[in-house]
Amino acid sequence: MSLRPAVPWVLALAVLAVVVVRVLGLLDERPPDGAGAPPSADTTYAAEVTRVVDGDTIRVRIGDRRERVRYIGIDAPESRRPGTPVQCFAREAGARNVQLVGGEAVSLRTDAEPRDRFGRMLAYVHRRRDGLFVNEALLREGFATTLAIAPNLSHSLRFRELERAARRQARGLWRACLKNG
């Protein structure tokens, strides 16, 4: 009995099995929403906020990986920089960030450069339950100022407009921290 006629059928079944597994996503090398992989440029990740560090930094869980995330394009007053006093409105900015994302599911969108020089993931943060763009909300409400650092400039013009409006309307830190408006 010859095995030759069975070989094409076995090969065809093996190829079909691989195609079916791929189509169903059972062997996808990349976990969903980037979980388990280091951040890459222009990618969106689903995450859970595990801790709010301050007004512009959070800690998150992406799948089984934990990340420290620095918001792109904004700078909240410092409350935790060693050797420096707590800046005006820092505690309020941190408290507002807790209100916005504490314990929340968020989407993190990277820009051209996914990490800063300190190894933190850089991201635009959106609250998943309602899509709130947190970076924008903090600027609009006067809890942060703009911080445009190339090459992560996707929203820099919009952020500048929001900061100007908050300053004109004396919102948040623009009221509390400026002596002469």
Protein backbone atom coordinates (compact mmCIF):
# COMPACT_ATOMS: atom_id res chain seq x y z
CA MET A 1 0.00 0.00 0.00
CA SER A 2 1.40 3.37 -1.03
CA LEU A 3 1.35 6.49 1.19
CA ARG A 4 1.79 8.84 -1.75
CA PRO A 5 -1.92 9.59 -2.45
CA ALA A 6 -2.56 10.45 1.25
CA VAL A 7 0.23 13.04 1.50
CA PRO A 8 -1.58 15.82 -0.43
CA TRP A 9 -4.69 15.35 1.73
CA VAL A 10 -2.71 15.49 4.97
CA LEU A 11 -0.88 18.59 3.78
CA ALA A 12 -4.13 20.22 2.66
CA LEU A 13 -5.75 19.50 6.05
CA ALA A 14 -2.75 20.92 7.90
CA VAL A 15 -2.84 24.13 5.82
CA LEU A 16 -6.59 24.40 6.34
CA ALA A 17 -6.18 23.97 10.10
CA VAL A 18 -3.58 26.76 10.23
CA VAL A 19 -5.83 29.07 8.20
CA VAL A 20 -8.83 28.38 10.46
CA VAL A 21 -6.79 28.96 13.62
CA ARG A 22 -5.43 32.26 12.19
CA VAL A 23 -8.86 33.45 11.09
CA LEU A 24 -10.28 32.72 14.54
CA GLY A 25 -7.32 34.49 16.14
CA LEU A 26 -6.33 31.55 18.27
CA LEU A 27 -2.63 31.93 17.47
CA ASP A 28 -2.37 35.70 17.30
CA GLU A 29 1.11 36.58 18.52
CA ARG A 30 0.03 40.01 19.75
CA PRO A 31 -2.42 40.08 22.67
CA PRO A 32 -5.52 42.26 22.23
CA ASP A 33 -5.07 46.01 22.75
CA GLY A 34 -1.30 45.58 22.97
CA ALA A 35 -1.45 43.79 26.33
CA GLY A 36 1.83 42.12 27.20
CA ALA A 37 3.84 43.98 24.56
CA PRO A 38 6.00 47.06 25.10
CA PRO A 39 4.27 50.22 23.89
CA SER A 40 4.78 51.16 20.27
CA ALA A 41 4.09 54.37 18.34
CA ASP A 42 0.56 55.33 17.33
CA THR A 43 -1.12 52.45 19.13
CA THR A 44 -4.15 52.27 21.43
CA TYR A 45 -4.12 50.14 24.59
CA ALA A 46 -6.96 49.18 26.93
CA ALA A 47 -5.91 49.67 30.55
CA GLU A 48 -7.17 49.86 34.12
CA VAL A 49 -5.96 52.71 36.33
CA THR A 50 -4.45 51.23 39.49
CA ARG A 51 -3.17 54.48 41.01
CA VAL A 52 -3.17 58.19 40.31
CA VAL A 53 0.33 59.51 41.04
CA ASP A 54 -0.36 63.21 40.49
CA GLY A 55 -2.07 65.56 38.04
CA ASP A 56 -0.40 64.17 34.93
CA THR A 57 0.84 60.69 35.83
CA ILE A 58 -0.99 57.43 36.52
CA ARG A 59 -0.16 53.79 37.02
CA VAL A 60 -2.10 51.28 34.96
CA ARG A 61 -2.47 47.59 34.24
CA ILE A 62 -2.43 46.57 30.59
CA GLY A 63 -3.21 42.86 30.56
CA ASP A 64 -0.66 41.34 32.94
CA ARG A 65 1.80 44.24 32.54
CA ARG A 66 1.99 47.31 34.78
CA GLU A 67 3.00 50.68 33.39
CA ARG A 68 3.66 54.17 34.68
CA VAL A 69 1.94 56.56 32.23
CA ARG A 70 2.77 60.24 31.72
CA TYR A 71 0.08 62.25 29.94
CA ILE A 72 1.28 63.67 26.61
CA GLY A 73 1.08 67.40 25.98
CA ILE A 74 0.23 68.63 29.46
CA ASP A 75 2.09 69.51 32.63
CA ALA A 76 0.35 69.63 36.01
CA PRO A 77 1.97 71.41 38.97
CA GLU A 78 4.52 69.21 40.75
CA SER A 79 3.65 67.60 44.06
CA ARG A 80 6.22 64.80 44.26
CA ARG A 81 9.51 66.09 42.85
CA PRO A 82 12.24 65.35 45.42
CA GLY A 83 13.98 68.42 46.81
CA THR A 84 11.35 70.89 45.60
CA PRO A 85 8.34 72.31 47.41
CA VAL A 86 4.84 71.35 46.36
CA GLN A 87 3.80 73.77 43.60
CA CYS A 88 0.68 75.91 43.65
CA PHE A 89 -2.44 73.90 42.73
CA ALA A 90 -0.55 70.55 42.66
CA ARG A 91 -2.78 68.89 45.23
CA GLU A 92 -5.92 70.12 43.47
CA ALA A 93 -4.64 68.82 40.11
CA GLY A 94 -3.88 65.41 41.62
CA ALA A 95 -7.30 65.29 43.29
CA ARG A 96 -9.03 66.19 40.02
CA ASN A 97 -7.12 63.47 38.19
CA VAL A 98 -8.31 60.98 40.84
CA GLN A 99 -11.91 62.14 40.21
CA LEU A 100 -11.47 61.72 36.46
CA VAL A 101 -9.67 58.36 36.23
CA GLY A 102 -9.20 56.81 39.68
CA GLY A 103 -10.03 53.08 39.31
CA GLU A 104 -11.36 53.65 35.78
CA ALA A 105 -10.96 51.69 32.58
CA VAL A 106 -9.09 53.90 30.11
CA SER A 107 -7.78 53.84 26.57
CA LEU A 108 -4.19 54.94 26.15
CA ARG A 109 -3.12 56.27 22.74
CA THR A 110 0.58 56.68 22.08
CA ASP A 111 1.98 59.22 19.65
CA ALA A 112 5.22 59.12 17.64
CA GLU A 113 7.40 58.40 20.69
CA PRO A 114 5.88 55.88 23.13
CA ARG A 115 8.29 56.40 26.10
CA ASP A 116 10.04 59.31 27.75
CA ARG A 117 13.65 59.38 28.96
CA PHE A 118 12.52 58.03 32.35
CA GLY A 119 10.96 54.93 30.78
CA ARG A 120 7.37 56.05 31.37
CA MET A 121 4.78 55.28 28.74
CA LEU A 122 3.57 58.50 27.08
CA ALA A 123 -0.13 58.58 26.22
CA TYR A 124 -3.27 60.49 25.47
CA VAL A 125 -5.79 59.18 28.01
CA HIS A 126 -9.49 58.60 27.31
CA ARG A 127 -11.95 57.37 29.92
CA ARG A 128 -13.61 54.30 28.40
CA ARG A 129 -17.07 54.64 29.93
CA ASP A 130 -17.80 57.94 28.18
CA GLY A 131 -14.79 58.73 25.97
CA LEU A 132 -13.73 61.78 28.00
CA PHE A 133 -10.32 62.98 26.74
CA VAL A 134 -8.61 63.44 30.11
CA ASN A 135 -5.62 65.45 28.85
CA GLU A 136 -8.05 67.99 27.36
CA ALA A 137 -10.28 68.08 30.45
CA LEU A 138 -7.34 68.91 32.73
CA LEU A 139 -6.29 71.77 30.44
CA ARG A 140 -9.84 73.07 29.93
CA GLU A 141 -10.49 73.17 33.67
CA GLY A 142 -7.17 74.86 34.51
CA PHE A 143 -5.51 71.92 36.28
CA ALA A 144 -2.56 71.80 33.85
CA THR A 145 -0.59 73.81 31.31
CA THR A 146 0.56 72.72 27.87
CA LEU A 147 3.87 70.95 27.39
CA ALA A 148 4.64 70.36 23.71
CA ILE A 149 7.64 68.07 23.19
CA ALA A 150 8.47 66.86 19.70
CA PRO A 151 7.73 64.48 18.15
CA ASN A 152 4.53 63.95 20.21
CA LEU A 153 2.60 66.93 18.87
CA SER A 154 -0.65 65.46 17.50
CA HIS A 155 -2.88 67.59 19.74
CA SER A 156 -0.55 70.50 20.55
CA LEU A 157 -2.53 73.21 18.70
CA ARG A 158 -5.81 72.16 20.32
CA PHE A 159 -4.13 71.95 23.73
CA ARG A 160 -2.75 75.49 23.32
CA GLU A 161 -6.26 76.79 22.53
CA LEU A 162 -7.69 75.09 25.63
CA GLU A 163 -4.95 76.55 27.84
CA ARG A 164 -5.54 80.08 26.48
CA ALA A 165 -9.27 79.79 27.14
CA ALA A 166 -8.72 78.53 30.71
CA ARG A 167 -6.28 81.38 31.34
CA ARG A 168 -8.68 84.01 29.91
CA GLN A 169 -11.49 82.63 32.09
CA ALA A 170 -9.18 82.41 35.15
CA ARG A 171 -9.93 78.74 35.73
CA GLY A 172 -8.12 76.56 38.25
CA LEU A 173 -4.44 77.34 38.61
CA TRP A 174 -4.85 80.48 36.48
CA ARG A 175 -6.94 81.98 39.27
CA ALA A 176 -5.20 80.45 42.28
CA CYS A 177 -1.55 80.80 41.30
CA LEU A 178 -1.17 84.04 39.36
CA LYS A 179 -0.95 87.19 41.43
CA ASN A 180 -1.50 89.60 38.53
CA GLY A 181 -3.73 87.46 36.27
